Amino acid sequence: MPKTRLPAALSMLSAVAVGMLLGGCSASVEVGSGSPPKLSAEKLSGLLADKLASTTGRPKPHITCPEDLAGEIGTTTRCELTADDGSTLGVSVTVTSVKDGQINFDYKADDKASPAAN
C-alpha cells in the first residue's frame, strides 16, 4: 500500500514546489485590437503552462482557466493546475497594464495544493 501513496505524495510535493516557483511572476501577451482586448481562456492556459514549464524545466502541466481575461487593469481570474495524481493548485492572474493591444499580467500560485478527490 505505501507504494501507491508515494507517487501521490511526490505529485503533491511537486504541485507545492510549482506553487513556490510561481510566486509572483509576470507575463505579457499581444492580443490585437478590441475594446477592451481579451485573452482567451485557452490561450491564457497555454501561456501559463509554457511559463511554468520554462521556469521549472519540467513538462508542461495541465492548466485550465474558466474564462477569457479582459484587458482592463485590475481584472482577475483564477486558473487551476492539475497534477498527475489529481491534486490541484490554484493560480491567480491579475492584469497590471494594457497598452496597444498588449496585456501585461502577474500570476501567482496558491501556497498549498488541494488533494485529489477520492
Protein backbone atom coordinates (compact mmCIF):
# COMPACT_ATOMS: atom_id res chain seq x y z
CA MET A 1 0.00 0.00 0.00
CA PRO A 2 2.75 2.56 0.74
CA LYS A 3 3.94 2.22 -2.85
CA THR A 4 0.72 3.77 -4.17
CA ARG A 5 0.90 6.61 -1.65
CA LEU A 6 4.48 7.53 -2.52
CA PRO A 7 3.78 8.68 -6.11
CA ALA A 8 0.75 10.63 -4.87
CA ALA A 9 2.87 12.27 -2.20
CA LEU A 10 5.55 13.12 -4.75
CA SER A 11 2.97 14.64 -7.08
CA MET A 12 1.56 16.69 -4.22
CA LEU A 13 5.05 17.87 -3.33
CA SER A 14 5.63 18.73 -6.99
CA ALA A 15 2.45 20.80 -7.06
CA VAL A 16 3.55 22.64 -3.91
CA ALA A 17 7.03 23.22 -5.36
CA VAL A 18 5.43 24.56 -8.52
CA GLY A 19 3.43 26.94 -6.37
CA MET A 20 6.60 28.23 -4.78
CA LEU A 21 8.16 28.79 -8.19
CA LEU A 22 5.09 30.65 -9.42
CA GLY A 23 5.03 33.04 -6.51
CA GLY A 24 4.81 36.46 -8.11
CA CYS A 25 5.68 36.10 -11.79
CA SER A 26 4.71 38.37 -14.67
CA ALA A 27 3.93 37.87 -18.34
CA SER A 28 2.62 39.80 -21.29
CA VAL A 29 0.88 38.86 -24.50
CA GLU A 30 -0.07 40.65 -27.69
CA VAL A 31 -3.78 40.20 -28.33
CA GLY A 32 -4.51 42.75 -31.02
CA SER A 33 -7.20 45.37 -31.07
CA GLY A 34 -10.54 45.31 -29.39
CA SER A 35 -12.30 47.30 -26.75
CA PRO A 36 -11.11 46.06 -24.33
CA PRO A 37 -8.70 43.49 -25.73
CA LYS A 38 -9.24 39.94 -24.47
CA LEU A 39 -7.04 36.93 -23.97
CA SER A 40 -8.97 33.68 -24.48
CA ALA A 41 -9.12 31.21 -21.61
CA GLU A 42 -7.44 28.60 -23.83
CA LYS A 43 -4.58 30.90 -24.76
CA LEU A 44 -4.11 32.00 -21.13
CA SER A 45 -3.99 28.35 -20.01
CA GLY A 46 -1.35 27.57 -22.64
CA LEU A 47 0.71 30.64 -21.81
CA LEU A 48 0.74 29.80 -18.09
CA ALA A 49 1.71 26.18 -18.87
CA ASP A 50 4.56 27.39 -21.11
CA LYS A 51 5.82 29.81 -18.45
CA LEU A 52 5.69 27.14 -15.78
CA ALA A 53 7.50 24.58 -17.93
CA SER A 54 10.28 27.05 -18.73
CA THR A 55 10.59 28.07 -15.06
CA THR A 56 10.74 24.52 -13.69
CA GLY A 57 12.40 22.68 -16.58
CA ARG A 58 9.61 20.10 -16.39
CA PRO A 59 6.97 19.11 -18.96
CA LYS A 60 4.01 21.44 -19.41
CA PRO A 61 1.43 20.95 -16.68
CA HIS A 62 -2.30 20.74 -17.30
CA ILE A 63 -3.77 24.19 -16.57
CA THR A 64 -7.34 25.29 -17.17
CA CYS A 65 -8.77 28.79 -16.96
CA PRO A 66 -12.56 29.17 -16.71
CA GLU A 67 -12.93 32.43 -18.62
CA ASP A 68 -11.30 34.86 -21.00
CA LEU A 69 -9.12 37.55 -19.44
CA ALA A 70 -10.36 41.06 -20.26
CA GLY A 71 -7.58 43.55 -20.85
CA GLU A 72 -8.60 46.00 -18.16
CA ILE A 73 -6.23 46.92 -15.35
CA GLY A 74 -7.18 45.09 -12.16
CA THR A 75 -9.18 42.34 -13.89
CA THR A 76 -8.55 38.97 -12.22
CA THR A 77 -9.26 35.33 -12.92
CA ARG A 78 -8.44 32.04 -11.23
CA CYS A 79 -6.94 29.15 -13.15
CA GLU A 80 -6.23 25.64 -11.93
CA LEU A 81 -3.17 23.45 -12.32
CA THR A 82 -3.91 19.73 -12.06
CA ALA A 83 -1.08 17.35 -11.15
CA ASP A 84 -0.82 13.78 -12.46
CA ASP A 85 -2.30 12.43 -9.22
CA GLY A 86 -5.33 14.71 -9.47
CA SER A 87 -4.25 17.19 -6.82
CA THR A 88 -4.85 20.81 -7.80
CA LEU A 89 -3.23 24.17 -7.29
CA GLY A 90 -4.99 27.46 -7.89
CA VAL A 91 -3.29 30.19 -9.92
CA SER A 92 -4.44 33.83 -9.63
CA VAL A 93 -3.97 36.08 -12.66
CA THR A 94 -4.26 39.90 -12.45
CA VAL A 95 -3.98 42.37 -15.34
CA THR A 96 -1.37 45.01 -14.45
CA SER A 97 -1.38 47.13 -17.61
CA VAL A 98 -2.69 47.27 -21.16
CA LYS A 99 -1.10 49.20 -24.00
CA ASP A 100 -1.54 48.98 -27.76
CA GLY A 101 -3.28 45.59 -27.59
CA GLN A 102 -0.72 44.06 -25.24
CA ILE A 103 -1.97 42.71 -21.92
CA ASN A 104 0.56 42.56 -19.09
CA PHE A 105 -0.34 40.46 -16.08
CA ASP A 106 1.01 38.98 -12.88
CA TYR A 107 0.29 35.41 -11.83
CA LYS A 108 0.76 33.66 -8.52
CA ALA A 109 0.05 30.09 -7.48
CA ASP A 110 -1.55 29.29 -4.16
CA ASP A 111 0.80 28.33 -1.36
CA LYS A 112 -0.89 24.99 -0.80
CA ALA A 113 -2.22 22.32 -3.16
CA SER A 114 -5.60 20.63 -2.70
CA PRO A 115 -5.52 16.83 -2.57
CA ALA A 116 -7.14 14.77 -5.30
CA ALA A 117 -10.82 13.98 -4.85
CA ASN A 118 -11.47 10.39 -3.84
